[in-house]
Amino acid sequence: MFAHSTKRRRLAGVLLGGSVATVLALTGCAGPGGAAGTPTPKAVATQADIDAALQEDTTLQFWAWGPQYQAEVDAFMKEYPKVKVVLTNNGSNATEYTKLQNVIKAGSGIPDIAQIEYTALPQFAFGDSLVDMAEYGVASMEDKFSSSTWNQVNVNGGIYGLPQDAGPLAMFYRQDVFDQYGLTVPTTWEEYYETAEKLHAADPSKFMAADGGEAAFTNAMIWQAGGKPYAAEDTDVTVDLQDEGSLKWADMWTPLVQEDLVEQTPTFTPEWTSGLSAGKYATWVGGAWAAGTLQRRIPEAAGTWRVAPLPQYEAGDTASGEQGGSSSAVLDASENKLAAIGFVQWMSSADEAAKIWTDNGGFPAQAATLASDDWLNAEIPYFGGQQINQVFAASADGVLPGWQFLPFQAYADSVYSDTMGQAYASKGDLADGLKAWQGNIVDYGNSQGFSVNK
């Protein structure tokens, strides 16, 4: 827990201003907003209080977009029939965060619970919009989750959500393409580059991967390289996109961009989807959730894809990072905080909820599921019967500790295309792009009341 200083309260007002609203429209991520309604009580509630609240007639408003949530809501209401949960899908993160920011600013229409990605959680937390669930005893649940996801919901000493899913990195690859061109699955980034050269030389219409230059991917790759470019404590913020890990990734990835070994096609575009389907891209480096994405978006490619550990900078290492993942957070304006916390606890940690989540293609954040023999040894037909969860679980174990997102990550991501994007487009040095990106981030943070790199 941390004190809500006068400086932080002034900051929350600043963050509600028009500049952040503009960022929301551009990026689909939220900045924090001042809390409305009854302040969070400072007395620690007991688990018995939370459990009792689930036995009272209550209606909870829940905003989320994930495809697994309706089944989870239905199962919860069957177990707790006195609690009605109304699930509203406002669209993906972009739409939800914008609307959530707007209702927080208006002080009405605020849901009790919201799905909030780890990248956006600090912004809402710093804006005093979320319940610090540490004040309700949920810190005792730490051992129920992977250490990397628990770290992501711990913002400045408070617990502002409970982990729902995760995105440990892996390398998805086309087995048929590798077989056709006699390629060996790379285990290091040097081998990855050499494999990319061999593939593109054999067939210039094929690429090792698609990378249109995206902030989420860059951050995840810097994380795996050991970088820690962001740090925040209250309003004191550090941004260092020239640290050792950031430059290690930039030095490794720049030749792939400059030599056209990766194609600059943004993810989730029609062109990207068709490229994945046709075997145009030999690999896709992404979070474990990508397994479900492939199965949903290109079912016709069943049997052609496999999963391998993320290539390493040094042979034998097991370092990983994360891309994506969401928490379930309780809004500070909720008049039903105890029931809302109880619902979030069930959804994030109950065995039945975990099964619903994984059966519907979600990646778990629960430590018990990650260690479950049934889950680990499941043979996935789409991936040729491979036990892909073993690769993902090992990646989750290898996620490097200490990563933080900025309390204004929305803005940082929104100016990525103006800086890093230009480095991609010109096929320049990505390290220079990182330096320019840092400059924009620092200037913005200082203009919003943070003390950045001072």
Protein backbone atom coordinates (compact mmCIF):
# COMPACT_ATOMS: atom_id res chain seq x y z
CA MET A 1 0.00 0.00 0.00
CA PHE A 2 1.13 3.54 -0.50
CA ALA A 3 -0.02 6.95 0.56
CA HIS A 4 -2.13 9.03 -1.82
CA SER A 5 -0.06 12.15 -1.61
CA THR A 6 -1.28 15.59 -2.54
CA LYS A 7 1.10 15.49 -5.48
CA ARG A 8 -0.44 12.25 -6.73
CA ARG A 9 -3.95 13.64 -6.40
CA ARG A 10 -2.95 16.67 -8.46
CA LEU A 11 -1.45 14.27 -10.97
CA ALA A 12 -4.68 12.30 -11.26
CA GLY A 13 -6.43 15.49 -12.28
CA VAL A 14 -3.79 16.24 -14.88
CA LEU A 15 -4.08 12.75 -16.33
CA LEU A 16 -7.79 13.25 -16.85
CA GLY A 17 -7.06 16.12 -19.20
CA GLY A 18 -7.56 16.26 -22.93
CA SER A 19 -4.10 15.05 -23.85
CA VAL A 20 -4.70 11.61 -22.36
CA ALA A 21 -8.16 11.44 -23.93
CA THR A 22 -6.45 12.00 -27.26
CA VAL A 23 -3.95 9.25 -26.48
CA LEU A 24 -6.81 6.87 -25.74
CA ALA A 25 -8.36 7.52 -29.10
CA LEU A 26 -5.05 6.94 -30.83
CA THR A 27 -3.83 3.86 -29.01
CA GLY A 28 -6.68 1.99 -27.46
CA CYS A 29 -5.02 2.06 -24.06
CA ALA A 30 -6.12 3.99 -21.04
CA GLY A 31 -4.64 6.63 -18.85
CA PRO A 32 -5.71 6.83 -15.23
CA GLY A 33 -8.59 8.92 -14.03
CA GLY A 34 -9.73 10.24 -10.67
CA ALA A 35 -11.93 7.85 -8.71
CA ALA A 36 -15.63 8.57 -8.23
CA GLY A 37 -17.94 7.34 -5.48
CA THR A 38 -17.10 6.07 -2.00
CA PRO A 39 -13.39 6.08 -1.18
CA THR A 40 -11.73 2.72 -0.57
CA PRO A 41 -11.93 1.87 3.16
CA LYS A 42 -8.55 1.70 4.82
CA ALA A 43 -9.50 -1.07 7.26
CA VAL A 44 -8.51 -4.51 6.00
CA ALA A 45 -11.54 -6.69 5.30
CA THR A 46 -11.41 -10.39 6.07
CA GLN A 47 -11.95 -13.19 3.61
CA ALA A 48 -15.02 -14.05 5.65
CA ASP A 49 -16.45 -10.61 4.85
CA ILE A 50 -15.84 -11.18 1.14
CA ASP A 51 -17.37 -14.66 1.24
CA ALA A 52 -20.43 -13.33 3.08
CA ALA A 53 -20.95 -10.65 0.43
CA LEU A 54 -21.32 -13.38 -2.20
CA GLN A 55 -24.34 -14.71 -0.31
CA GLU A 56 -26.25 -11.44 -0.57
CA ASP A 57 -28.46 -10.24 -3.43
CA THR A 58 -26.10 -8.19 -5.59
CA THR A 59 -25.75 -7.08 -9.19
CA LEU A 60 -22.26 -6.54 -10.57
CA GLN A 61 -21.41 -4.78 -13.82
CA PHE A 62 -18.41 -6.37 -15.55
CA TRP A 63 -16.68 -5.01 -18.67
CA ALA A 64 -14.51 -7.42 -20.67
CA TRP A 65 -13.89 -8.49 -24.25
CA GLY A 66 -12.20 -11.91 -23.95
CA PRO A 67 -14.13 -14.80 -25.53
CA GLN A 68 -13.88 -16.92 -22.39
CA TYR A 69 -15.62 -14.55 -20.00
CA GLN A 70 -19.28 -15.35 -20.66
CA ALA A 71 -18.77 -19.01 -19.80
CA GLU A 72 -16.95 -18.00 -16.63
CA VAL A 73 -19.71 -15.59 -15.64
CA ASP A 74 -22.35 -18.28 -16.18
CA ALA A 75 -20.45 -20.79 -14.05
CA PHE A 76 -19.92 -18.25 -11.28
CA MET A 77 -23.62 -17.35 -11.12
CA LYS A 78 -24.51 -21.03 -10.93
CA GLU A 79 -22.27 -21.37 -7.87
CA TYR A 80 -23.36 -18.03 -6.36
CA PRO A 81 -26.99 -17.61 -7.46
CA LYS A 82 -27.59 -14.49 -5.39
CA VAL A 83 -24.98 -12.54 -7.36
CA LYS A 84 -25.98 -11.42 -10.84
CA VAL A 85 -23.06 -10.49 -13.08
CA VAL A 86 -23.89 -8.43 -16.16
CA LEU A 87 -21.14 -8.84 -18.74
CA THR A 88 -20.71 -6.02 -21.24
CA ASN A 89 -18.37 -6.33 -24.21
CA ASN A 90 -17.48 -2.82 -25.32
CA GLY A 91 -15.16 -4.12 -27.97
CA SER A 92 -11.47 -4.83 -27.61
CA ASN A 93 -9.07 -2.98 -25.33
CA ALA A 94 -9.20 0.16 -27.48
CA THR A 95 -12.94 0.69 -27.13
CA GLU A 96 -13.22 -0.44 -23.55
CA TYR A 97 -10.43 1.73 -22.20
CA THR A 98 -11.73 4.83 -23.93
CA LYS A 99 -15.24 4.31 -22.60
CA LEU A 100 -13.95 3.43 -19.15
CA GLN A 101 -11.93 6.62 -19.01
CA ASN A 102 -14.95 8.62 -20.10
CA VAL A 103 -17.31 7.21 -17.45
CA ILE A 104 -14.67 7.67 -14.75
CA LYS A 105 -14.32 11.29 -15.74
CA ALA A 106 -18.12 11.72 -15.79
CA GLY A 107 -18.51 10.00 -12.42
CA SER A 108 -21.40 7.78 -13.53
CA GLY A 109 -21.93 4.53 -15.39
CA ILE A 110 -18.72 3.07 -13.97
CA PRO A 111 -18.65 -0.75 -13.86
CA ASP A 112 -17.75 -2.71 -10.76
CA ILE A 113 -15.09 -4.81 -12.51
CA ALA A 114 -13.10 -4.42 -15.71
CA GLN A 115 -10.66 -6.46 -17.74
CA ILE A 116 -7.49 -4.36 -17.89
CA GLU A 117 -4.27 -5.43 -19.54
CA TYR A 118 -1.05 -5.29 -17.57
CA THR A 119 0.23 -2.50 -19.83
CA ALA A 120 -2.72 -0.27 -18.89
CA LEU A 121 -3.09 -1.22 -15.23
CA PRO A 122 -0.51 1.28 -13.88
CA GLN A 123 -2.29 4.18 -15.58
CA PHE A 124 -5.62 3.46 -13.91
CA ALA A 125 -3.89 2.68 -10.61
CA PHE A 126 -1.87 5.92 -10.57
CA GLY A 127 -5.09 7.79 -11.32
CA ASP A 128 -6.75 6.44 -8.14
CA SER A 129 -9.45 4.71 -10.20
CA LEU A 130 -8.97 1.17 -8.88
CA VAL A 131 -9.34 -0.59 -5.55
CA ASP A 132 -6.07 -1.52 -3.89
CA MET A 133 -7.05 -5.08 -3.11
CA ALA A 134 -4.09 -5.44 -0.75
CA GLU A 135 -6.30 -3.59 1.70
CA TYR A 136 -8.75 -6.50 1.47
CA GLY A 137 -6.26 -9.25 2.16
CA VAL A 138 -5.67 -10.52 -1.38
CA ALA A 139 -1.89 -10.32 -0.98
CA SER A 140 -2.21 -13.76 0.59
CA MET A 141 -3.09 -15.10 -2.88
CA GLU A 142 0.37 -14.43 -4.32
CA ASP A 143 1.39 -18.08 -4.50
CA LYS A 144 -1.64 -18.91 -6.65
CA PHE A 145 -0.15 -17.11 -9.66
CA SER A 146 3.01 -17.11 -11.72
CA SER A 147 5.56 -14.69 -10.33
CA SER A 148 5.68 -12.60 -13.52
CA THR A 149 1.93 -11.95 -13.61
CA TRP A 150 1.78 -11.22 -9.89
CA ASN A 151 4.49 -8.63 -10.40
CA GLN A 152 2.39 -6.97 -13.10
CA VAL A 153 -0.60 -6.37 -10.80
CA ASN A 154 1.63 -5.03 -8.02
CA VAL A 155 1.81 -1.33 -8.80
CA ASN A 156 3.77 0.91 -6.47
CA GLY A 157 3.18 -1.44 -3.55
CA GLY A 158 -0.56 -1.98 -4.07
CA ILE A 159 -2.45 -4.88 -5.69
CA TYR A 160 -4.74 -3.35 -8.30
CA GLY A 161 -6.00 -6.45 -10.05
CA LEU A 162 -5.72 -10.23 -10.04
CA PRO A 163 -3.99 -12.00 -12.93
CA GLN A 164 -6.27 -13.64 -15.45
CA ASP A 165 -3.91 -14.69 -18.23
CA ALA A 166 -0.34 -14.28 -19.41
CA GLY A 167 1.79 -14.09 -22.52
CA PRO A 168 5.17 -15.77 -22.02
CA LEU A 169 7.06 -15.62 -25.29
CA ALA A 170 7.61 -18.53 -27.65
CA MET A 171 8.53 -19.04 -31.28
CA PHE A 172 5.75 -20.42 -33.47
CA TYR A 173 7.06 -21.87 -36.72
CA ARG A 174 5.84 -23.53 -39.91
CA GLN A 175 7.11 -27.09 -39.90
CA ASP A 176 6.25 -27.52 -43.57
CA VAL A 177 8.29 -24.45 -44.57
CA PHE A 178 11.25 -25.58 -42.49
CA ASP A 179 11.07 -29.04 -44.06
CA GLN A 180 10.72 -27.69 -47.61
CA TYR A 181 13.85 -25.55 -47.36
CA GLY A 182 15.90 -27.85 -45.14
CA LEU A 183 15.92 -25.42 -42.23
CA THR A 184 16.85 -26.25 -38.64
CA VAL A 185 14.82 -24.74 -35.82
CA PRO A 186 17.05 -22.00 -34.33
CA THR A 187 17.90 -22.01 -30.65
CA THR A 188 19.88 -18.75 -30.61
CA TRP A 189 19.24 -15.38 -32.22
CA GLU A 190 22.41 -15.78 -34.27
CA GLU A 191 20.97 -19.01 -35.68
CA TYR A 192 17.66 -17.23 -36.24
CA TYR A 193 19.40 -14.63 -38.41
CA GLU A 194 21.30 -17.30 -40.34
CA THR A 195 18.08 -19.26 -40.92
CA ALA A 196 16.36 -16.10 -42.13
CA GLU A 197 19.19 -15.50 -44.63
CA LYS A 198 18.97 -19.05 -45.94
CA LEU A 199 15.18 -18.94 -46.35
CA HIS A 200 15.06 -15.57 -48.10
CA ALA A 201 17.93 -16.51 -50.42
CA ALA A 202 16.13 -19.71 -51.41
CA ASP A 203 12.80 -17.94 -51.97
CA PRO A 204 12.70 -14.10 -51.85
CA SER A 205 8.89 -14.24 -51.52
CA LYS A 206 9.25 -15.77 -48.05
CA PHE A 207 10.33 -14.08 -44.84
CA MET A 208 11.42 -15.28 -41.44
CA ALA A 209 8.65 -13.25 -39.82
CA ALA A 210 6.36 -10.25 -40.19
CA ASP A 211 7.20 -7.20 -38.11
CA GLY A 212 5.59 -3.91 -38.92
CA GLY A 213 7.19 -2.21 -35.92
CA GLU A 214 4.96 -2.38 -32.85
CA ALA A 215 5.50 -1.18 -29.31
CA ALA A 216 4.17 -4.34 -27.62
CA PHE A 217 6.57 -6.57 -29.55
CA THR A 218 9.53 -4.25 -28.96
CA ASN A 219 8.88 -4.11 -25.23
CA ALA A 220 8.53 -7.89 -24.99
CA MET A 221 11.78 -8.44 -26.88
CA ILE A 222 13.66 -5.90 -24.76
CA TRP A 223 12.30 -7.70 -21.70
CA GLN A 224 13.72 -11.01 -22.93
CA ALA A 225 17.07 -9.34 -23.64
CA GLY A 226 17.30 -8.29 -19.98
CA GLY A 227 16.31 -4.67 -20.45
CA LYS A 228 14.52 -2.69 -17.76
CA PRO A 229 13.87 0.59 -19.55
CA TYR A 230 10.99 1.79 -17.36
CA ALA A 231 10.71 2.41 -13.64
CA ALA A 232 8.20 4.38 -11.58
CA GLU A 233 7.77 5.13 -7.91
CA ASP A 234 4.93 7.52 -7.21
CA THR A 235 5.61 10.38 -9.65
CA ASP A 236 9.34 9.70 -10.09
CA VAL A 237 9.83 7.96 -13.43
CA THR A 238 12.91 6.69 -15.24
CA VAL A 239 13.01 5.92 -18.96
CA ASP A 240 16.17 4.35 -20.38
CA LEU A 241 15.68 2.81 -23.81
CA GLN A 242 19.45 2.84 -24.23
CA ASP A 243 20.08 0.36 -21.43
CA GLU A 244 22.04 -2.82 -22.11
CA GLY A 245 19.04 -5.01 -22.85
CA SER A 246 17.37 -2.47 -25.13
CA LEU A 247 20.51 -2.08 -27.22
CA LYS A 248 21.14 -5.83 -27.25
CA TRP A 249 17.76 -6.39 -28.89
CA ALA A 250 18.21 -3.44 -31.29
CA ASP A 251 21.62 -4.69 -32.41
CA MET A 252 20.23 -8.17 -33.00
CA TRP A 253 17.01 -7.19 -34.80
CA THR A 254 18.30 -4.29 -36.94
CA PRO A 255 19.98 -6.51 -39.58
CA LEU A 256 16.76 -8.50 -40.01
CA VAL A 257 14.92 -5.27 -40.85
CA GLN A 258 17.67 -3.74 -42.97
CA GLU A 259 18.13 -6.88 -45.07
CA ASP A 260 14.41 -7.48 -45.63
CA LEU A 261 14.54 -10.79 -43.79
CA VAL A 262 11.38 -9.78 -41.94
CA GLU A 263 8.52 -8.15 -43.83
CA GLN A 264 7.07 -4.92 -42.49
CA THR A 265 3.49 -6.13 -42.28
CA PRO A 266 1.55 -5.19 -39.11
CA THR A 267 0.01 -8.02 -37.11
CA PHE A 268 -3.71 -8.75 -37.30
CA THR A 269 -4.11 -7.09 -40.69
CA PRO A 270 -5.70 -9.10 -43.53
CA GLU A 271 -2.31 -9.22 -45.25
CA TRP A 272 -0.68 -10.65 -42.16
CA THR A 273 -3.37 -13.27 -41.71
CA SER A 274 -3.15 -14.40 -45.33
CA GLY A 275 0.63 -14.51 -45.07
CA LEU A 276 0.46 -16.78 -42.04
CA SER A 277 -2.04 -18.99 -43.83
CA ALA A 278 0.04 -19.28 -47.00
CA GLY A 279 3.35 -20.00 -45.28
CA LYS A 280 4.81 -16.66 -46.31
CA TYR A 281 6.19 -16.20 -42.79
CA ALA A 282 8.25 -19.04 -41.36
CA THR A 283 7.94 -17.92 -37.74
CA TRP A 284 5.88 -15.78 -35.42
CA VAL A 285 7.47 -14.69 -32.15
CA GLY A 286 4.68 -13.84 -29.72
CA GLY A 287 2.93 -14.55 -26.45
CA ALA A 288 1.55 -17.99 -25.66
CA TRP A 289 -1.96 -16.71 -26.43
CA ALA A 290 -0.91 -16.81 -30.10
CA ALA A 291 -1.66 -20.54 -30.09
CA GLY A 292 -5.36 -19.77 -29.75
CA THR A 293 -5.09 -16.94 -32.29
CA LEU A 294 -3.67 -19.27 -34.94
CA GLN A 295 -6.38 -21.85 -34.35
CA ARG A 296 -9.16 -19.27 -34.59
CA ARG A 297 -7.82 -17.15 -37.47
CA ILE A 298 -6.31 -19.75 -39.79
CA PRO A 299 -7.91 -23.13 -39.07
CA GLU A 300 -6.96 -24.21 -42.59
CA ALA A 301 -3.29 -24.32 -41.51
CA ALA A 302 -3.90 -27.06 -38.92
CA GLY A 303 -0.99 -29.47 -38.71
CA THR A 304 1.58 -27.11 -40.22
CA TRP A 305 2.51 -25.11 -37.13
CA ARG A 306 4.76 -26.09 -34.21
CA VAL A 307 6.05 -24.26 -31.12
CA ALA A 308 9.66 -23.90 -29.98
CA PRO A 309 11.35 -22.08 -27.11
CA LEU A 310 12.34 -18.50 -27.76
CA PRO A 311 15.82 -18.21 -29.30
CA GLN A 312 18.47 -17.05 -26.85
CA TYR A 313 21.39 -14.63 -26.97
CA GLU A 314 23.64 -17.28 -25.46
CA ALA A 315 23.26 -21.00 -26.14
CA GLY A 316 21.75 -22.82 -23.19
CA ASP A 317 20.02 -19.79 -21.65
CA THR A 318 16.29 -19.86 -20.92
CA ALA A 319 15.45 -16.15 -20.62
CA SER A 320 11.99 -15.02 -21.66
CA GLY A 321 9.68 -12.02 -21.51
CA GLU A 322 5.95 -11.47 -21.79
CA GLN A 323 3.71 -9.99 -24.44
CA GLY A 324 0.11 -9.36 -23.49
CA GLY A 325 -2.01 -10.61 -20.64
CA SER A 326 -4.85 -9.15 -18.61
CA SER A 327 -5.95 -8.66 -15.04
CA SER A 328 -9.39 -8.34 -13.50
CA ALA A 329 -9.62 -5.07 -11.57
CA VAL A 330 -12.26 -3.62 -9.24
CA LEU A 331 -13.18 0.01 -9.80
CA ASP A 332 -12.93 2.29 -6.80
CA ALA A 333 -16.39 3.71 -7.58
CA SER A 334 -18.05 0.32 -7.03
CA GLU A 335 -20.66 0.22 -4.29
CA ASN A 336 -20.25 -3.56 -4.09
CA LYS A 337 -16.53 -3.86 -3.55
CA LEU A 338 -16.59 -7.00 -1.41
CA ALA A 339 -18.75 -8.97 -3.84
CA ALA A 340 -16.72 -7.64 -6.76
CA ILE A 341 -13.48 -8.78 -5.12
CA GLY A 342 -15.04 -12.18 -4.42
CA PHE A 343 -16.03 -12.54 -8.07
CA VAL A 344 -12.53 -11.55 -9.22
CA GLN A 345 -11.00 -14.05 -6.79
CA TRP A 346 -13.18 -16.86 -8.12
CA MET A 347 -12.60 -15.98 -11.75
CA SER A 348 -8.83 -15.77 -11.39
CA SER A 349 -8.16 -18.74 -9.12
CA ALA A 350 -11.04 -21.25 -8.90
CA ASP A 351 -10.33 -24.63 -10.49
CA GLU A 352 -13.54 -24.53 -12.52
CA ALA A 353 -12.74 -21.06 -13.83
CA ALA A 354 -9.23 -22.11 -14.82
CA LYS A 355 -10.61 -25.09 -16.75
CA ILE A 356 -13.11 -22.92 -18.61
CA TRP A 357 -10.34 -20.49 -19.46
CA THR A 358 -7.92 -23.07 -20.87
CA ASP A 359 -10.64 -25.15 -22.58
CA ASN A 360 -11.57 -22.02 -24.54
CA GLY A 361 -8.02 -21.28 -25.70
CA GLY A 362 -6.89 -18.96 -22.91
CA PHE A 363 -3.42 -19.12 -21.41
CA PRO A 364 -3.40 -19.48 -17.61
CA ALA A 365 -1.76 -17.30 -15.00
CA GLN A 366 -2.57 -19.79 -12.21
CA ALA A 367 0.45 -21.61 -10.80
CA ALA A 368 -1.56 -24.81 -10.23
CA THR A 369 -2.65 -24.99 -13.88
CA LEU A 370 0.85 -24.26 -15.13
CA ALA A 371 2.06 -27.27 -13.09
CA SER A 372 -0.87 -29.56 -13.93
CA ASP A 373 0.00 -32.81 -15.70
CA ASP A 374 -3.28 -32.76 -17.62
CA TRP A 375 -2.55 -29.31 -19.00
CA LEU A 376 1.16 -29.83 -19.54
CA ASN A 377 0.76 -33.13 -21.36
CA ALA A 378 -2.21 -32.20 -23.54
CA GLU A 379 -1.53 -33.05 -27.17
CA ILE A 380 -2.87 -30.27 -29.41
CA PRO A 381 -4.05 -31.57 -32.82
CA TYR A 382 -3.62 -28.19 -34.54
CA PHE A 383 0.09 -28.34 -33.72
CA GLY A 384 0.52 -31.89 -34.98
CA GLY A 385 -0.18 -33.39 -31.56
CA GLN A 386 2.68 -31.48 -29.96
CA GLN A 387 2.55 -30.88 -26.22
CA ILE A 388 2.93 -27.15 -26.69
CA ASN A 389 2.01 -26.25 -23.12
CA GLN A 390 5.31 -27.67 -21.94
CA VAL A 391 7.10 -25.07 -24.04
CA PHE A 392 4.89 -22.29 -22.68
CA ALA A 393 5.30 -23.38 -19.05
CA ALA A 394 9.08 -23.42 -19.41
CA SER A 395 8.90 -19.94 -20.93
CA ALA A 396 6.78 -18.72 -18.02
CA ASP A 397 9.44 -20.03 -15.63
CA GLY A 398 12.10 -18.16 -17.58
CA VAL A 399 10.43 -14.74 -17.59
CA LEU A 400 13.02 -12.31 -16.26
CA PRO A 401 12.00 -10.45 -13.07
CA GLY A 402 11.80 -6.73 -12.49
CA TRP A 403 9.92 -5.49 -15.56
CA GLN A 404 7.68 -2.44 -15.16
CA PHE A 405 5.36 -0.54 -17.49
CA LEU A 406 5.06 3.22 -17.41
CA PRO A 407 2.15 4.96 -15.67
CA PHE A 408 1.51 6.59 -19.05
CA GLN A 409 2.27 3.63 -21.31
CA ALA A 410 -0.62 4.64 -23.58
CA TYR A 411 1.20 7.75 -24.70
CA ALA A 412 4.53 5.95 -25.04
CA ASP A 413 2.95 3.39 -27.35
CA SER A 414 1.08 6.06 -29.30
CA VAL A 415 4.29 7.82 -30.40
CA TYR A 416 6.13 4.62 -31.26
CA SER A 417 5.23 4.97 -34.94
CA ASP A 418 6.58 8.54 -35.00
CA THR A 419 10.00 7.44 -33.78
CA MET A 420 10.71 3.72 -33.89
CA GLY A 421 8.32 3.42 -36.81
CA GLN A 422 10.47 5.82 -38.79
CA ALA A 423 13.57 3.76 -38.04
CA TYR A 424 11.78 0.70 -39.42
CA ALA A 425 10.53 2.54 -42.53
CA SER A 426 13.98 3.95 -43.35
CA LYS A 427 15.72 0.68 -42.45
CA GLY A 428 17.91 2.61 -40.09
CA ASP A 429 19.50 1.65 -36.81
CA LEU A 430 16.78 0.62 -34.36
CA ALA A 431 18.94 1.89 -31.50
CA ASP A 432 18.52 5.40 -32.90
CA GLY A 433 14.79 4.83 -33.08
CA LEU A 434 14.76 3.81 -29.42
CA LYS A 435 16.63 7.00 -28.51
CA ALA A 436 14.12 9.16 -30.35
CA TRP A 437 11.22 7.25 -28.77
CA GLN A 438 12.70 7.86 -25.33
CA GLY A 439 12.93 11.60 -25.99
CA ASN A 440 9.21 11.84 -26.76
CA ILE A 441 8.28 9.76 -23.75
CA VAL A 442 10.39 11.86 -21.37
CA ASP A 443 9.02 15.16 -22.65
CA TYR A 444 5.44 13.97 -22.33
CA GLY A 445 5.87 12.57 -18.84
CA ASN A 446 7.34 15.81 -17.56
CA SER A 447 4.53 17.81 -19.17
CA GLN A 448 1.98 15.66 -17.30
CA GLY A 449 3.32 16.28 -13.80
CA PHE A 450 5.72 13.36 -13.51
CA SER A 451 9.39 13.84 -12.75
CA VAL A 452 11.05 11.89 -15.55
CA ASN A 453 14.83 11.33 -15.66
CA LYS A 454 15.40 14.18 -13.20
